[in-house]
Every structure is written in structure tokens, then in C-alpha cells.
């Protein structure tokens, strides 16, 4: 047993020493040093320009716990809340009025358990909601917000987004 242990330790040390030595012709990695002692401050107004402040309607149906994703498209604001409501809330982008809440706790048609992200398909007027727990992508009409259909997602994506080619 002692002999096997000595052979194992010796092999481990040899592999470690050989791996750590530089080989001819191979490039060495460059390490950049960041000086955090030389951080400069700036005002947020220098980075962000606020066009206008739009208060959203606050009613029992429109309350939410967090903003996990926010998209503005045409005259609507789409907001994903995974903390309190597990829903996509829709508000008017002109006056902040509450329009609709897409929610559905379950696994039936149009229902989801854990909305993770959403995507607005501007080309066909659809809103897609990714439910990672149920491994499905739900499709809604962007204008009426009616449920259309769902697609099975077998690979377990972390987000849903389109890439234009």
C-alpha cells in the first residue's frame, strides 16, 4: 500500500512540474493589472440621459415585486416579474396605464410555472415567454395578448432572444 502511495505522489509531482515549465514556441499569457486605487467617480447624468419619467399605474392587478426584464415596443412597456407575480405585465408607454397581465400558474394551455425571460418577435407580432421549469416556449399575440401555442424546448436554454442574420 505504501509503495502505491509513493508511486502516486511521484507521478503527480512529475506531471505538475512538467506542466508548469514553459515549452519552446508557445506564447506566454499576458496578465493585465487593474489599478482600483485610481477609480474616478462621475455623475450618473454623465452616463444616462433621462428623456422623461413615466409613473406606472398602481392597482391591485398591476403591482409587481421586481423588474427582471423590461422591453419597450411601439406604445407598450413589457415587464417580467419573477419575484412576486411570476408574470409579464403590460403598460402603456404613453401614459403608464396598466393594460394586461400575462400569468398562468399551471401546465395547461397558456399557463406556465416559472417564466424566465421573454422575447418580442417584431417580424411576426408575437411575444414569447420561456418557462424553463416546464421546458416550453409559449407564444402570445402581441396586440391582443391572446395565447397562441407552445413549443417544447428540450435543450434547456437560459434565455430567449433573436439574432438577426
N, C-alpha and C. Protein backbone atom coordinates (compact mmCIF):
# COMPACT_ATOMS: atom_id res chain seq x y z
N UNK A 1 0.82 -1.19 0.00
CA UNK A 1 0.00 0.00 0.00
C UNK A 1 0.87 1.26 0.00
N UNK A 2 1.96 1.21 0.82
CA UNK A 2 2.87 2.33 0.90
C UNK A 2 3.57 2.57 -0.43
N UNK A 3 3.89 1.50 -1.14
CA UNK A 3 4.56 1.59 -2.42
C UNK A 3 3.65 2.27 -3.47
N UNK A 4 2.35 1.95 -3.48
CA UNK A 4 1.40 2.56 -4.41
C UNK A 4 1.26 4.04 -4.12
N UNK A 5 1.24 4.39 -2.85
CA UNK A 5 1.12 5.80 -2.46
C UNK A 5 2.34 6.60 -2.93
N UNK A 6 3.52 6.06 -2.78
CA UNK A 6 4.77 6.73 -3.20
C UNK A 6 4.77 6.89 -4.72
N UNK A 7 4.33 5.88 -5.44
CA UNK A 7 4.30 5.96 -6.90
C UNK A 7 3.29 7.04 -7.34
N UNK A 8 2.13 7.07 -6.68
CA UNK A 8 1.12 8.07 -6.99
C UNK A 8 1.63 9.49 -6.76
N UNK A 9 2.26 9.73 -5.61
CA UNK A 9 2.79 11.06 -5.29
C UNK A 9 3.89 11.45 -6.27
N UNK A 10 4.76 10.55 -6.59
CA UNK A 10 5.85 10.83 -7.52
C UNK A 10 5.31 11.17 -8.91
N UNK A 11 4.35 10.41 -9.38
CA UNK A 11 3.73 10.68 -10.68
C UNK A 11 3.04 12.03 -10.68
N UNK A 12 2.32 12.33 -9.64
CA UNK A 12 1.63 13.62 -9.52
C UNK A 12 2.62 14.77 -9.57
N UNK A 13 3.73 14.68 -8.82
CA UNK A 13 4.74 15.74 -8.81
C UNK A 13 5.40 15.90 -10.17
N UNK A 14 5.70 14.81 -10.84
CA UNK A 14 6.32 14.89 -12.16
C UNK A 14 5.39 15.57 -13.17
N UNK A 15 4.12 15.19 -13.17
CA UNK A 15 3.15 15.80 -14.08
C UNK A 15 3.02 17.29 -13.78
N UNK A 16 2.96 17.63 -12.51
CA UNK A 16 2.83 19.04 -12.12
C UNK A 16 4.05 19.84 -12.56
N UNK A 17 5.25 19.33 -12.34
CA UNK A 17 6.46 20.06 -12.72
C UNK A 17 6.60 20.19 -14.23
N UNK A 18 6.29 19.15 -14.97
CA UNK A 18 6.39 19.19 -16.43
C UNK A 18 5.36 20.16 -17.00
N UNK A 19 4.16 20.16 -16.47
CA UNK A 19 3.11 21.05 -16.96
C UNK A 19 3.41 22.51 -16.66
N UNK A 20 4.10 22.78 -15.58
CA UNK A 20 4.36 24.16 -15.19
C UNK A 20 5.55 24.77 -15.91
N UNK A 21 6.35 23.99 -16.57
CA UNK A 21 7.51 24.54 -17.27
C UNK A 21 7.09 25.04 -18.64
N UNK A 22 7.80 26.06 -19.12
CA UNK A 22 7.49 26.67 -20.40
C UNK A 22 8.02 25.81 -21.52
N UNK A 23 7.25 25.70 -22.58
CA UNK A 23 7.69 24.95 -23.75
C UNK A 23 8.11 25.96 -24.82
N UNK A 24 9.11 25.59 -25.60
CA UNK A 24 9.59 26.48 -26.66
C UNK A 24 8.52 26.68 -27.72
N UNK A 25 8.40 27.91 -28.19
CA UNK A 25 7.47 28.22 -29.26
C UNK A 25 6.06 28.55 -28.79
N UNK A 26 5.75 28.27 -27.53
CA UNK A 26 4.41 28.59 -27.03
C UNK A 26 4.41 29.99 -26.45
N UNK A 27 3.35 30.70 -26.68
CA UNK A 27 3.26 32.06 -26.16
C UNK A 27 2.87 32.04 -24.69
N UNK A 28 3.39 32.97 -23.96
CA UNK A 28 3.05 33.12 -22.56
C UNK A 28 1.84 34.03 -22.44
N UNK A 29 0.96 33.73 -21.50
CA UNK A 29 -0.21 34.58 -21.32
C UNK A 29 0.22 35.90 -20.68
N UNK A 30 -0.46 36.95 -21.08
CA UNK A 30 -0.17 38.29 -20.59
C UNK A 30 -1.17 38.62 -19.49
N UNK A 31 -0.66 39.12 -18.40
CA UNK A 31 -1.52 39.50 -17.29
C UNK A 31 -1.60 41.01 -17.24
N UNK A 32 -2.83 41.53 -17.26
CA UNK A 32 -3.02 42.97 -17.13
C UNK A 32 -3.39 43.29 -15.70
N UNK A 33 -2.78 44.34 -15.17
CA UNK A 33 -3.05 44.75 -13.81
C UNK A 33 -3.99 45.95 -13.85
N UNK A 34 -5.06 45.87 -13.09
CA UNK A 34 -6.02 46.96 -13.00
C UNK A 34 -5.81 47.65 -11.67
N UNK A 35 -5.61 48.96 -11.73
CA UNK A 35 -5.38 49.75 -10.52
C UNK A 35 -6.71 50.27 -10.00
N UNK A 36 -7.27 49.58 -9.00
CA UNK A 36 -8.53 50.00 -8.43
C UNK A 36 -8.35 51.18 -7.47
N UNK A 37 -7.13 51.56 -7.20
CA UNK A 37 -6.88 52.73 -6.36
C UNK A 37 -7.04 54.03 -7.14
N UNK A 38 -7.16 53.91 -8.46
CA UNK A 38 -7.26 55.08 -9.32
C UNK A 38 -8.64 55.15 -9.99
N UNK A 39 -9.68 54.81 -9.24
CA UNK A 39 -11.04 54.83 -9.77
C UNK A 39 -11.56 56.26 -9.74
N UNK A 40 -12.13 56.68 -10.86
CA UNK A 40 -12.67 58.03 -10.95
C UNK A 40 -14.19 57.96 -10.81
N UNK A 41 -14.74 58.93 -10.14
CA UNK A 41 -16.19 58.99 -9.99
C UNK A 41 -16.78 59.90 -11.05
N UNK A 42 -18.03 59.64 -11.36
CA UNK A 42 -18.74 60.50 -12.30
C UNK A 42 -20.21 60.51 -11.91
N UNK A 43 -20.91 61.49 -12.37
CA UNK A 43 -22.33 61.60 -12.09
C UNK A 43 -23.09 60.69 -13.06
N UNK A 44 -24.19 60.10 -12.57
CA UNK A 44 -24.99 59.25 -13.45
C UNK A 44 -25.54 60.04 -14.63
N UNK A 45 -25.74 61.33 -14.45
CA UNK A 45 -26.26 62.17 -15.54
C UNK A 45 -25.25 62.28 -16.69
N UNK A 46 -23.98 61.99 -16.42
CA UNK A 46 -22.98 61.99 -17.49
C UNK A 46 -23.06 60.71 -18.32
N UNK A 47 -23.66 59.67 -17.77
CA UNK A 47 -23.77 58.40 -18.46
C UNK A 47 -25.15 58.13 -19.04
N UNK A 48 -26.18 58.63 -18.36
CA UNK A 48 -27.56 58.34 -18.72
C UNK A 48 -28.32 59.64 -18.93
N UNK A 49 -29.07 59.67 -20.01
CA UNK A 49 -29.93 60.82 -20.26
C UNK A 49 -31.38 60.37 -20.09
N UNK A 50 -32.08 60.98 -19.17
CA UNK A 50 -33.48 60.65 -18.92
C UNK A 50 -34.34 61.57 -19.77
N UNK A 51 -35.09 60.97 -20.67
CA UNK A 51 -35.98 61.74 -21.54
C UNK A 51 -37.20 62.23 -20.77
N UNK A 52 -37.79 61.30 -20.03
CA UNK A 52 -38.94 61.66 -19.21
C UNK A 52 -39.16 60.57 -18.17
N UNK A 53 -39.82 60.91 -17.12
CA UNK A 53 -40.17 59.98 -16.06
C UNK A 53 -41.62 59.58 -16.25
N UNK A 54 -41.88 58.27 -16.31
CA UNK A 54 -43.23 57.79 -16.54
C UNK A 54 -43.68 56.91 -15.37
N UNK A 55 -44.51 57.43 -14.48
CA UNK A 55 -45.01 56.59 -13.38
C UNK A 55 -46.00 55.56 -13.92
N UNK A 56 -45.84 54.31 -13.48
CA UNK A 56 -46.74 53.25 -13.91
C UNK A 56 -47.93 53.18 -12.96
N UNK A 57 -49.07 52.81 -13.51
CA UNK A 57 -50.29 52.69 -12.72
C UNK A 57 -50.09 51.68 -11.59
N UNK A 58 -50.58 52.03 -10.41
CA UNK A 58 -50.50 51.12 -9.27
C UNK A 58 -51.92 50.75 -8.82
N UNK A 59 -52.31 49.56 -9.18
CA UNK A 59 -53.59 48.99 -8.74
C UNK A 59 -53.28 47.57 -8.26
N UNK A 60 -54.27 46.90 -7.71
CA UNK A 60 -54.04 45.53 -7.24
C UNK A 60 -53.56 44.61 -8.34
N UNK A 61 -54.06 44.77 -9.56
CA UNK A 61 -53.66 43.91 -10.68
C UNK A 61 -52.29 44.27 -11.25
N UNK A 62 -51.84 45.51 -11.04
CA UNK A 62 -50.62 45.95 -11.70
C UNK A 62 -49.39 45.98 -10.79
N UNK A 63 -49.54 45.57 -9.54
CA UNK A 63 -48.39 45.58 -8.63
C UNK A 63 -47.42 44.46 -8.99
N UNK A 64 -46.13 44.73 -8.84
CA UNK A 64 -45.12 43.72 -9.11
C UNK A 64 -44.02 43.83 -8.08
N UNK A 65 -43.22 42.77 -7.97
CA UNK A 65 -42.18 42.73 -6.95
C UNK A 65 -40.79 43.09 -7.45
N UNK A 66 -40.50 42.80 -8.71
CA UNK A 66 -39.18 43.10 -9.26
C UNK A 66 -39.30 43.29 -10.77
N UNK A 67 -38.30 43.92 -11.32
CA UNK A 67 -38.21 44.05 -12.78
C UNK A 67 -37.03 43.20 -13.22
N UNK A 68 -37.33 42.01 -13.74
CA UNK A 68 -36.28 41.10 -14.19
C UNK A 68 -35.92 41.32 -15.65
N UNK A 69 -36.88 41.81 -16.41
CA UNK A 69 -36.64 42.15 -17.82
C UNK A 69 -37.64 43.22 -18.20
N UNK A 70 -37.21 44.17 -19.00
CA UNK A 70 -38.07 45.25 -19.44
C UNK A 70 -37.82 45.53 -20.91
N UNK A 71 -38.87 45.55 -21.70
CA UNK A 71 -38.77 45.86 -23.12
C UNK A 71 -39.83 46.91 -23.46
N UNK A 72 -39.47 47.84 -24.30
CA UNK A 72 -40.42 48.83 -24.81
C UNK A 72 -40.54 48.61 -26.30
N UNK A 73 -41.77 48.40 -26.76
CA UNK A 73 -42.01 48.20 -28.18
C UNK A 73 -43.27 48.95 -28.57
N UNK A 74 -43.14 49.79 -29.54
CA UNK A 74 -44.21 50.66 -30.01
C UNK A 74 -44.78 51.45 -28.85
N UNK A 75 -46.04 51.28 -28.52
CA UNK A 75 -46.64 52.10 -27.47
C UNK A 75 -46.85 51.32 -26.16
N UNK A 76 -46.06 50.25 -25.97
CA UNK A 76 -46.24 49.42 -24.78
C UNK A 76 -44.92 49.13 -24.07
N UNK A 77 -45.04 48.95 -22.76
CA UNK A 77 -43.91 48.54 -21.91
C UNK A 77 -44.22 47.13 -21.42
N UNK A 78 -43.30 46.21 -21.66
CA UNK A 78 -43.45 44.82 -21.23
C UNK A 78 -42.46 44.58 -20.11
N UNK A 79 -42.96 44.06 -19.00
CA UNK A 79 -42.14 43.93 -17.79
C UNK A 79 -42.30 42.52 -17.23
N UNK A 80 -41.19 41.83 -16.98
CA UNK A 80 -41.22 40.50 -16.39
C UNK A 80 -40.91 40.60 -14.91
N UNK A 81 -41.79 40.04 -14.09
CA UNK A 81 -41.60 39.98 -12.64
C UNK A 81 -41.59 38.52 -12.23
N UNK A 82 -40.43 38.00 -11.83
CA UNK A 82 -40.34 36.61 -11.38
C UNK A 82 -40.35 36.51 -9.86
N UNK A 83 -40.40 37.64 -9.18
CA UNK A 83 -40.32 37.64 -7.72
C UNK A 83 -41.68 37.50 -7.05
N UNK A 84 -42.63 38.34 -7.44
CA UNK A 84 -43.93 38.36 -6.76
C UNK A 84 -45.04 37.73 -7.60
N UNK A 85 -45.16 38.13 -8.86
CA UNK A 85 -46.31 37.72 -9.66
C UNK A 85 -46.03 36.58 -10.63
N UNK A 86 -44.77 36.31 -10.96
CA UNK A 86 -44.44 35.32 -11.99
C UNK A 86 -45.24 35.60 -13.26
N UNK A 87 -45.17 36.83 -13.73
CA UNK A 87 -46.00 37.25 -14.86
C UNK A 87 -45.27 38.29 -15.70
N UNK A 88 -45.80 38.48 -16.91
CA UNK A 88 -45.39 39.59 -17.77
C UNK A 88 -46.50 40.62 -17.69
N UNK A 89 -46.16 41.81 -17.23
CA UNK A 89 -47.14 42.89 -17.12
C UNK A 89 -46.95 43.84 -18.28
N UNK A 90 -48.06 44.36 -18.81
CA UNK A 90 -48.01 45.24 -19.96
C UNK A 90 -48.63 46.58 -19.57
N UNK A 91 -47.87 47.65 -19.85
CA UNK A 91 -48.32 49.02 -19.54
C UNK A 91 -48.26 49.86 -20.80
N UNK A 92 -49.02 50.93 -20.82
CA UNK A 92 -48.96 51.88 -21.92
C UNK A 92 -47.67 52.70 -21.79
N UNK A 93 -46.95 52.84 -22.89
CA UNK A 93 -45.72 53.63 -22.87
C UNK A 93 -46.00 55.12 -22.98
N UNK A 94 -47.25 55.49 -23.26
CA UNK A 94 -47.58 56.92 -23.36
C UNK A 94 -48.02 57.51 -22.04
N UNK A 95 -48.83 56.77 -21.26
CA UNK A 95 -49.32 57.33 -20.00
C UNK A 95 -49.10 56.43 -18.78
N UNK A 96 -48.50 55.25 -18.95
CA UNK A 96 -48.20 54.37 -17.83
C UNK A 96 -49.37 53.55 -17.32
N UNK A 97 -50.51 53.59 -18.02
CA UNK A 97 -51.69 52.84 -17.60
C UNK A 97 -51.47 51.34 -17.77
N UNK A 98 -51.99 50.58 -16.82
CA UNK A 98 -51.91 49.13 -16.87
C UNK A 98 -52.83 48.60 -17.97
N UNK A 99 -52.30 47.70 -18.82
CA UNK A 99 -53.09 47.14 -19.92
C UNK A 99 -53.48 45.70 -19.63
N UNK A 100 -52.50 44.87 -19.27
CA UNK A 100 -52.79 43.44 -19.15
C UNK A 100 -51.67 42.76 -18.37
N UNK A 101 -52.00 41.62 -17.79
CA UNK A 101 -51.01 40.78 -17.11
C UNK A 101 -51.12 39.38 -17.70
N UNK A 102 -49.99 38.87 -18.23
CA UNK A 102 -49.96 37.51 -18.74
C UNK A 102 -49.43 36.64 -17.60
N UNK A 103 -50.32 35.84 -17.06
CA UNK A 103 -49.95 34.96 -15.97
C UNK A 103 -50.70 33.65 -16.13
N UNK A 104 -50.25 32.66 -15.47
CA UNK A 104 -50.95 31.39 -15.54
C UNK A 104 -50.16 30.34 -14.79
N UNK A 105 -50.54 30.07 -13.60
CA UNK A 105 -49.81 29.08 -12.81
C UNK A 105 -50.40 27.71 -13.09
N UNK A 106 -49.64 26.92 -13.79
CA UNK A 106 -50.09 25.57 -14.13
C UNK A 106 -49.37 25.07 -15.36
N UNK A 107 -49.82 23.95 -15.87
CA UNK A 107 -49.19 23.40 -17.06
C UNK A 107 -50.18 23.18 -18.20
N UNK A 108 -51.33 23.86 -18.14
CA UNK A 108 -52.31 23.80 -19.21
C UNK A 108 -51.97 24.76 -20.33
N UNK A 109 -52.85 24.83 -21.32
CA UNK A 109 -52.61 25.76 -22.44
C UNK A 109 -52.51 27.21 -21.96
N UNK A 110 -51.44 27.88 -22.33
CA UNK A 110 -51.23 29.27 -21.96
C UNK A 110 -50.73 29.47 -20.55
N UNK A 111 -50.52 28.39 -19.81
CA UNK A 111 -50.06 28.50 -18.42
C UNK A 111 -48.58 28.17 -18.32
N UNK A 112 -47.95 28.74 -17.31
CA UNK A 112 -46.54 28.47 -17.06
C UNK A 112 -46.30 28.49 -15.56
N UNK A 113 -45.17 27.92 -15.17
CA UNK A 113 -44.82 27.85 -13.74
C UNK A 113 -43.72 28.83 -13.38
N UNK A 114 -42.74 28.94 -14.24
CA UNK A 114 -41.56 29.73 -13.90
C UNK A 114 -41.07 30.52 -15.12
N UNK A 115 -41.69 31.66 -15.40
CA UNK A 115 -41.22 32.44 -16.55
C UNK A 115 -39.81 32.96 -16.28
N UNK A 116 -38.92 32.71 -17.21
CA UNK A 116 -37.53 33.11 -17.01
C UNK A 116 -37.17 34.35 -17.82
N UNK A 117 -37.66 34.43 -19.03
CA UNK A 117 -37.40 35.59 -19.88
C UNK A 117 -38.45 35.62 -20.98
N UNK A 118 -38.47 36.72 -21.72
CA UNK A 118 -39.40 36.81 -22.84
C UNK A 118 -38.70 37.49 -23.99
N UNK A 119 -39.32 37.36 -25.15
CA UNK A 119 -38.76 37.92 -26.37
C UNK A 119 -39.90 38.42 -27.24
N UNK A 120 -39.77 39.62 -27.76
CA UNK A 120 -40.75 40.20 -28.68
C UNK A 120 -40.25 39.98 -30.09
N UNK A 121 -41.01 39.22 -30.86
CA UNK A 121 -40.68 38.99 -32.27
C UNK A 121 -41.37 40.08 -33.09
N UNK A 122 -40.60 41.07 -33.47
CA UNK A 122 -41.14 42.21 -34.19
C UNK A 122 -41.55 41.86 -35.62
N UNK A 123 -41.02 40.77 -36.14
CA UNK A 123 -41.32 40.41 -37.52
C UNK A 123 -42.70 39.78 -37.67
N UNK A 124 -43.16 39.02 -36.67
CA UNK A 124 -44.47 38.38 -36.82
C UNK A 124 -45.47 38.80 -35.75
N UNK A 125 -45.11 39.79 -34.91
CA UNK A 125 -46.04 40.30 -33.92
C UNK A 125 -46.36 39.33 -32.80
N UNK A 126 -45.34 38.62 -32.32
CA UNK A 126 -45.54 37.64 -31.26
C UNK A 126 -44.71 37.98 -30.02
N UNK A 127 -45.20 37.53 -28.89
CA UNK A 127 -44.48 37.62 -27.63
C UNK A 127 -44.23 36.19 -27.17
N UNK A 128 -42.97 35.85 -26.95
CA UNK A 128 -42.60 34.51 -26.50
C UNK A 128 -42.15 34.58 -25.04
N UNK A 129 -42.65 33.66 -24.23
CA UNK A 129 -42.25 33.57 -22.82
C UNK A 129 -41.59 32.22 -22.61
N UNK A 130 -40.39 32.23 -22.07
CA UNK A 130 -39.64 31.00 -21.80
C UNK A 130 -39.93 30.53 -20.38
N UNK A 131 -40.45 29.31 -20.26
CA UNK A 131 -40.66 28.67 -18.97
C UNK A 131 -39.65 27.53 -18.86
N UNK A 132 -38.57 27.78 -18.13
CA UNK A 132 -37.51 26.78 -18.02
C UNK A 132 -37.94 25.57 -17.20
N UNK A 133 -38.80 25.78 -16.20
CA UNK A 133 -39.23 24.66 -15.37
C UNK A 133 -40.05 23.66 -16.18
N UNK A 134 -40.89 24.16 -17.06
CA UNK A 134 -41.74 23.29 -17.88
C UNK A 134 -41.10 22.97 -19.24
N UNK A 135 -39.92 23.53 -19.50
CA UNK A 135 -39.20 23.33 -20.76
C UNK A 135 -40.08 23.63 -21.98
N UNK A 136 -40.69 24.82 -21.94
CA UNK A 136 -41.50 25.20 -23.08
C UNK A 136 -41.42 26.70 -23.33
N UNK A 137 -41.72 27.06 -24.57
CA UNK A 137 -41.73 28.43 -25.02
C UNK A 137 -43.17 28.73 -25.44
N UNK A 138 -43.80 29.67 -24.75
CA UNK A 138 -45.20 29.99 -25.02
C UNK A 138 -45.29 31.20 -25.93
N UNK A 139 -46.18 31.14 -26.90
CA UNK A 139 -46.32 32.21 -27.88
C UNK A 139 -47.66 32.90 -27.69
N UNK A 140 -47.62 34.25 -27.64
CA UNK A 140 -48.81 35.07 -27.49
C UNK A 140 -48.85 36.10 -28.62
N UNK A 141 -50.05 36.51 -28.99
CA UNK A 141 -50.22 37.58 -29.97
C UNK A 141 -49.84 38.90 -29.30
N UNK A 142 -49.01 39.68 -29.94
CA UNK A 142 -48.50 40.91 -29.34
C UNK A 142 -49.57 41.99 -29.17
N UNK A 143 -50.54 42.04 -30.05
CA UNK A 143 -51.59 43.06 -29.96
C UNK A 143 -52.67 42.67 -28.95
N UNK A 144 -53.26 41.50 -29.12
CA UNK A 144 -54.37 41.09 -28.26
C UNK A 144 -53.89 40.43 -26.97
N UNK A 145 -52.63 39.99 -26.95
CA UNK A 145 -52.02 39.26 -25.84
C UNK A 145 -52.71 37.92 -25.58
N UNK A 146 -53.38 37.40 -26.60
CA UNK A 146 -54.00 36.08 -26.52
C UNK A 146 -52.95 34.99 -26.70
N UNK A 147 -53.14 33.90 -25.98
CA UNK A 147 -52.26 32.74 -26.10
C UNK A 147 -52.49 32.08 -27.46
N UNK A 148 -51.39 31.73 -28.15
CA UNK A 148 -51.50 31.10 -29.46
C UNK A 148 -51.12 29.61 -29.42
N UNK A 149 -49.91 29.32 -28.92
CA UNK A 149 -49.45 27.94 -28.86
C UNK A 149 -48.16 27.86 -28.06
N UNK A 150 -47.67 26.66 -27.85
CA UNK A 150 -46.40 26.49 -27.15
C UNK A 150 -45.50 25.57 -27.94
N UNK A 151 -44.20 25.71 -27.71
CA UNK A 151 -43.19 24.89 -28.35
C UNK A 151 -42.37 24.20 -27.26
N UNK A 152 -42.07 22.93 -27.45
CA UNK A 152 -41.23 22.21 -26.49
C UNK A 152 -39.78 22.65 -26.67
N UNK A 153 -39.11 22.83 -25.56
CA UNK A 153 -37.70 23.21 -25.56
C UNK A 153 -36.95 22.11 -24.82
N UNK A 154 -36.16 21.33 -25.55
CA UNK A 154 -35.52 20.17 -24.95
C UNK A 154 -34.10 20.43 -24.47
N UNK A 155 -33.50 21.53 -24.89
CA UNK A 155 -32.10 21.77 -24.57
C UNK A 155 -31.90 22.59 -23.30
N UNK A 156 -32.95 23.17 -22.75
CA UNK A 156 -32.82 23.96 -21.53
C UNK A 156 -32.08 25.26 -21.71
N UNK A 157 -32.55 26.17 -22.60
CA UNK A 157 -31.86 27.44 -22.78
C UNK A 157 -31.99 28.31 -21.54
N UNK A 158 -31.06 29.24 -21.40
CA UNK A 158 -31.07 30.13 -20.26
C UNK A 158 -31.80 31.42 -20.56
N UNK A 159 -31.88 31.80 -21.80
CA UNK A 159 -32.59 33.00 -22.23
C UNK A 159 -33.14 32.78 -23.61
N UNK A 160 -34.02 33.63 -24.00
CA UNK A 160 -34.57 33.55 -25.35
C UNK A 160 -34.37 34.92 -26.00
N UNK A 161 -33.80 34.90 -27.20
CA UNK A 161 -33.52 36.14 -27.91
C UNK A 161 -33.30 35.80 -29.37
N UNK A 162 -33.60 36.72 -30.24
CA UNK A 162 -33.42 36.50 -31.67
C UNK A 162 -32.10 37.11 -32.12
N UNK A 163 -31.52 36.48 -33.11
CA UNK A 163 -30.32 37.01 -33.72
C UNK A 163 -30.65 37.27 -35.18
N UNK A 164 -30.50 38.52 -35.61
CA UNK A 164 -30.79 38.86 -36.99
C UNK A 164 -29.59 38.52 -37.85
N UNK A 165 -29.83 37.88 -38.97
CA UNK A 165 -28.75 37.45 -39.87
C UNK A 165 -28.66 38.40 -41.03
